[in-house]
N, C-alpha and C. Protein backbone atom coordinates (compact mmCIF):
# COMPACT_ATOMS: atom_id res chain seq x y z
N MET A 1 -36.61 104.03 -14.28
CA MET A 1 -36.53 103.93 -12.85
C MET A 1 -35.42 104.86 -12.34
N ALA A 2 -35.66 105.52 -11.23
CA ALA A 2 -34.69 106.43 -10.65
C ALA A 2 -34.26 105.91 -9.28
N ALA A 3 -33.05 106.24 -8.91
CA ALA A 3 -32.53 105.88 -7.59
C ALA A 3 -31.88 107.12 -6.98
N ILE A 4 -31.99 107.23 -5.67
CA ILE A 4 -31.41 108.36 -4.95
C ILE A 4 -30.40 107.82 -3.95
N GLY A 5 -29.24 108.43 -3.92
CA GLY A 5 -28.20 108.06 -2.96
C GLY A 5 -27.90 109.24 -2.06
N VAL A 6 -27.79 108.98 -0.77
CA VAL A 6 -27.51 110.03 0.21
C VAL A 6 -26.22 109.70 0.93
N HIS A 7 -25.32 110.65 1.00
CA HIS A 7 -24.08 110.49 1.76
C HIS A 7 -24.16 111.40 2.98
N LEU A 8 -24.16 110.80 4.16
CA LEU A 8 -24.15 111.57 5.40
C LEU A 8 -22.79 111.35 6.06
N GLY A 9 -21.89 112.25 5.83
CA GLY A 9 -20.56 112.15 6.41
C GLY A 9 -20.49 112.82 7.77
N CYS A 10 -19.33 112.74 8.38
CA CYS A 10 -19.14 113.38 9.70
C CYS A 10 -19.19 114.90 9.59
N THR A 11 -18.70 115.43 8.50
CA THR A 11 -18.64 116.88 8.36
C THR A 11 -19.44 117.44 7.20
N SER A 12 -19.91 116.56 6.30
CA SER A 12 -20.66 117.06 5.15
C SER A 12 -21.67 116.02 4.68
N ALA A 13 -22.58 116.46 3.81
CA ALA A 13 -23.60 115.58 3.25
C ALA A 13 -23.84 115.96 1.80
N CYS A 14 -24.27 114.98 1.00
CA CYS A 14 -24.65 115.27 -0.38
C CYS A 14 -25.65 114.22 -0.85
N VAL A 15 -26.34 114.53 -1.95
CA VAL A 15 -27.37 113.66 -2.52
C VAL A 15 -27.08 113.50 -4.01
N ALA A 16 -27.22 112.27 -4.51
CA ALA A 16 -27.05 112.00 -5.93
C ALA A 16 -28.29 111.29 -6.46
N VAL A 17 -28.60 111.53 -7.73
CA VAL A 17 -29.75 110.90 -8.38
C VAL A 17 -29.25 110.14 -9.60
N TYR A 18 -29.70 108.88 -9.74
CA TYR A 18 -29.39 108.07 -10.92
C TYR A 18 -30.69 107.88 -11.70
N LYS A 19 -30.73 108.41 -12.91
CA LYS A 19 -31.94 108.33 -13.72
C LYS A 19 -31.57 108.28 -15.20
N ASP A 20 -32.23 107.44 -15.92
CA ASP A 20 -32.02 107.29 -17.37
C ASP A 20 -30.56 107.01 -17.71
N GLY A 21 -29.89 106.20 -16.91
CA GLY A 21 -28.51 105.81 -17.18
C GLY A 21 -27.47 106.86 -16.82
N ARG A 22 -27.90 107.93 -16.17
CA ARG A 22 -26.97 109.00 -15.80
C ARG A 22 -27.07 109.27 -14.31
N ALA A 23 -25.94 109.58 -13.70
CA ALA A 23 -25.91 109.95 -12.28
C ALA A 23 -25.47 111.40 -12.16
N GLY A 24 -26.07 112.09 -11.22
CA GLY A 24 -25.70 113.49 -11.00
C GLY A 24 -25.88 113.86 -9.54
N VAL A 25 -24.97 114.67 -9.05
CA VAL A 25 -25.05 115.14 -7.67
C VAL A 25 -25.92 116.39 -7.64
N VAL A 26 -26.86 116.42 -6.71
CA VAL A 26 -27.81 117.51 -6.61
C VAL A 26 -27.16 118.69 -5.89
N ALA A 27 -27.28 119.87 -6.45
CA ALA A 27 -26.73 121.08 -5.83
C ALA A 27 -27.72 121.64 -4.81
N ASN A 28 -27.20 122.26 -3.76
CA ASN A 28 -28.07 122.90 -2.77
C ASN A 28 -28.47 124.29 -3.27
N ASP A 29 -29.16 125.05 -2.44
CA ASP A 29 -29.65 126.36 -2.88
C ASP A 29 -28.54 127.36 -3.18
N ALA A 30 -27.34 127.13 -2.65
CA ALA A 30 -26.20 128.00 -2.93
C ALA A 30 -25.42 127.55 -4.17
N GLY A 31 -25.82 126.41 -4.75
CA GLY A 31 -25.14 125.89 -5.92
C GLY A 31 -24.00 124.94 -5.60
N ASP A 32 -23.75 124.68 -4.33
CA ASP A 32 -22.69 123.75 -3.92
C ASP A 32 -23.22 122.33 -3.97
N ARG A 33 -22.37 121.39 -4.29
CA ARG A 33 -22.78 119.99 -4.35
C ARG A 33 -22.56 119.26 -3.03
N VAL A 34 -21.84 119.88 -2.11
CA VAL A 34 -21.61 119.32 -0.79
C VAL A 34 -22.06 120.35 0.24
N THR A 35 -22.82 119.90 1.24
CA THR A 35 -23.36 120.79 2.26
C THR A 35 -22.76 120.42 3.62
N PRO A 36 -22.25 121.38 4.38
CA PRO A 36 -21.76 121.06 5.72
C PRO A 36 -22.87 120.46 6.59
N ALA A 37 -22.55 119.41 7.32
CA ALA A 37 -23.54 118.72 8.17
C ALA A 37 -23.60 119.39 9.53
N ILE A 38 -24.14 120.59 9.56
CA ILE A 38 -24.25 121.39 10.78
C ILE A 38 -25.65 121.99 10.83
N VAL A 39 -26.25 121.97 12.03
CA VAL A 39 -27.56 122.56 12.25
C VAL A 39 -27.46 123.51 13.43
N ALA A 40 -28.02 124.70 13.30
CA ALA A 40 -28.03 125.68 14.39
C ALA A 40 -29.47 126.11 14.63
N TYR A 41 -29.78 126.35 15.88
CA TYR A 41 -31.12 126.78 16.27
C TYR A 41 -31.04 128.17 16.86
N SER A 42 -31.99 129.01 16.49
CA SER A 42 -32.12 130.33 17.10
C SER A 42 -33.54 130.45 17.62
N ALA A 43 -33.88 131.59 18.16
CA ALA A 43 -35.22 131.78 18.73
C ALA A 43 -36.30 131.67 17.66
N ASN A 44 -35.99 132.02 16.42
CA ASN A 44 -37.01 132.06 15.38
C ASN A 44 -36.88 131.02 14.28
N GLU A 45 -35.70 130.38 14.14
CA GLU A 45 -35.51 129.52 12.99
C GLU A 45 -34.44 128.47 13.22
N GLU A 46 -34.40 127.51 12.30
CA GLU A 46 -33.34 126.52 12.25
C GLU A 46 -32.48 126.87 11.04
N ILE A 47 -31.17 126.85 11.22
CA ILE A 47 -30.24 127.19 10.15
C ILE A 47 -29.41 125.94 9.86
N VAL A 48 -29.22 125.62 8.59
CA VAL A 48 -28.47 124.43 8.22
C VAL A 48 -27.36 124.77 7.23
N GLY A 49 -26.41 123.85 7.10
CA GLY A 49 -25.38 123.96 6.09
C GLY A 49 -24.36 125.05 6.33
N LEU A 50 -23.99 125.72 5.26
CA LEU A 50 -22.93 126.72 5.30
C LEU A 50 -23.29 127.90 6.21
N ALA A 51 -24.53 128.31 6.20
CA ALA A 51 -24.95 129.43 7.07
C ALA A 51 -24.77 129.06 8.54
N ALA A 52 -25.10 127.83 8.92
CA ALA A 52 -24.91 127.38 10.30
C ALA A 52 -23.43 127.29 10.64
N LYS A 53 -22.63 126.85 9.69
CA LYS A 53 -21.18 126.75 9.92
C LYS A 53 -20.57 128.13 10.14
N GLN A 54 -20.98 129.09 9.35
CA GLN A 54 -20.45 130.44 9.48
C GLN A 54 -20.94 131.13 10.76
N ASN A 55 -22.08 130.71 11.27
CA ASN A 55 -22.68 131.33 12.44
C ASN A 55 -22.32 130.62 13.75
N ARG A 56 -21.57 129.52 13.68
CA ARG A 56 -21.34 128.70 14.87
C ARG A 56 -20.57 129.41 15.98
N ILE A 57 -19.71 130.34 15.67
CA ILE A 57 -18.94 131.04 16.70
C ILE A 57 -19.85 131.91 17.55
N ARG A 58 -20.83 132.56 16.93
CA ARG A 58 -21.76 133.42 17.67
C ARG A 58 -22.86 132.64 18.37
N ASN A 59 -23.10 131.39 17.94
CA ASN A 59 -24.23 130.62 18.48
C ASN A 59 -23.80 129.20 18.83
N ILE A 60 -22.64 129.03 19.44
CA ILE A 60 -22.07 127.70 19.68
C ILE A 60 -22.94 126.84 20.59
N SER A 61 -23.63 127.43 21.55
CA SER A 61 -24.44 126.63 22.48
C SER A 61 -25.68 126.04 21.81
N ASN A 62 -26.08 126.55 20.67
CA ASN A 62 -27.26 126.05 19.96
C ASN A 62 -26.91 125.48 18.59
N THR A 63 -25.65 125.08 18.41
CA THR A 63 -25.20 124.54 17.14
C THR A 63 -24.82 123.08 17.33
N VAL A 64 -25.32 122.22 16.42
CA VAL A 64 -25.06 120.79 16.48
C VAL A 64 -24.17 120.41 15.31
N MET A 65 -23.02 119.79 15.62
CA MET A 65 -22.09 119.33 14.59
C MET A 65 -21.37 118.09 15.10
N LYS A 66 -20.75 117.36 14.21
CA LYS A 66 -20.01 116.14 14.54
C LYS A 66 -20.86 115.10 15.25
N VAL A 67 -22.14 115.02 14.91
CA VAL A 67 -23.04 114.08 15.57
C VAL A 67 -22.65 112.64 15.30
N LYS A 68 -22.21 112.32 14.09
CA LYS A 68 -21.85 110.94 13.78
C LYS A 68 -20.68 110.45 14.61
N GLN A 69 -19.84 111.34 15.09
CA GLN A 69 -18.69 110.91 15.89
C GLN A 69 -19.09 110.45 17.28
N ILE A 70 -20.27 110.83 17.76
CA ILE A 70 -20.67 110.40 19.10
C ILE A 70 -21.68 109.26 19.08
N LEU A 71 -22.17 108.87 17.90
CA LEU A 71 -23.11 107.76 17.82
C LEU A 71 -22.43 106.46 18.26
N GLY A 72 -23.09 105.70 19.09
CA GLY A 72 -22.57 104.41 19.53
C GLY A 72 -21.55 104.48 20.65
N ARG A 73 -21.22 105.64 21.13
CA ARG A 73 -20.25 105.76 22.22
C ARG A 73 -20.94 105.63 23.57
N SER A 74 -20.15 105.30 24.56
CA SER A 74 -20.66 105.21 25.92
C SER A 74 -21.14 106.58 26.38
N GLN A 75 -22.25 106.62 27.06
CA GLN A 75 -22.82 107.90 27.49
C GLN A 75 -22.49 108.22 28.95
N LYS A 76 -21.34 107.76 29.44
CA LYS A 76 -20.96 108.01 30.82
C LYS A 76 -20.85 109.49 31.13
N CYS A 77 -20.29 110.24 30.21
CA CYS A 77 -20.12 111.67 30.46
C CYS A 77 -21.17 112.51 29.74
N GLY A 78 -22.01 111.88 28.94
CA GLY A 78 -23.02 112.61 28.19
C GLY A 78 -22.46 113.05 26.85
N PRO A 79 -23.28 113.07 25.81
CA PRO A 79 -22.79 113.39 24.47
C PRO A 79 -22.27 114.81 24.33
N TRP A 80 -22.88 115.78 25.02
CA TRP A 80 -22.44 117.16 24.86
C TRP A 80 -21.09 117.40 25.51
N THR A 81 -20.82 116.72 26.62
CA THR A 81 -19.52 116.87 27.26
C THR A 81 -18.43 116.35 26.34
N TRP A 82 -18.67 115.17 25.73
CA TRP A 82 -17.67 114.61 24.81
C TRP A 82 -17.51 115.51 23.60
N LEU A 83 -18.61 115.96 23.05
CA LEU A 83 -18.56 116.78 21.84
C LEU A 83 -17.81 118.08 22.06
N LEU A 84 -18.12 118.77 23.14
CA LEU A 84 -17.48 120.06 23.41
C LEU A 84 -16.01 119.89 23.79
N SER A 85 -15.66 118.77 24.42
CA SER A 85 -14.26 118.57 24.80
C SER A 85 -13.40 118.23 23.59
N ASN A 86 -14.02 117.77 22.49
CA ASN A 86 -13.28 117.42 21.27
C ASN A 86 -13.47 118.42 20.16
N TYR A 87 -14.00 119.58 20.47
CA TYR A 87 -14.18 120.63 19.47
C TYR A 87 -12.84 121.27 19.18
N PRO A 88 -12.48 121.39 17.90
CA PRO A 88 -11.14 121.93 17.56
C PRO A 88 -10.97 123.38 17.97
C-alpha cells in the first residue's frame, strides 16, 4: 500500500510518497524537492514554481503568491488590496 503526503506552505510546496516501508520526497522537473508556491499567468501559458518566482517582477499584476495568508480573512478591502499592501 502506498500513501502520498502533500505539504502546501505559505511560500512553498512539496510531495512525499510512502511505499514499501520507505518515504521519499518527490523532486520536481528541475530536481528540487521544494517548489515555490507561486503561479503566474501570461497571454499564452500558466507558469508555476521557480520560473514564476523569477518572473514575478516583470509580471506582478498576473502573479499569485501568499494565497494562504489571505484565506479566512475579512474581505472588507478585498484580497488583492491586502495582498499587495503586504508584499515585501
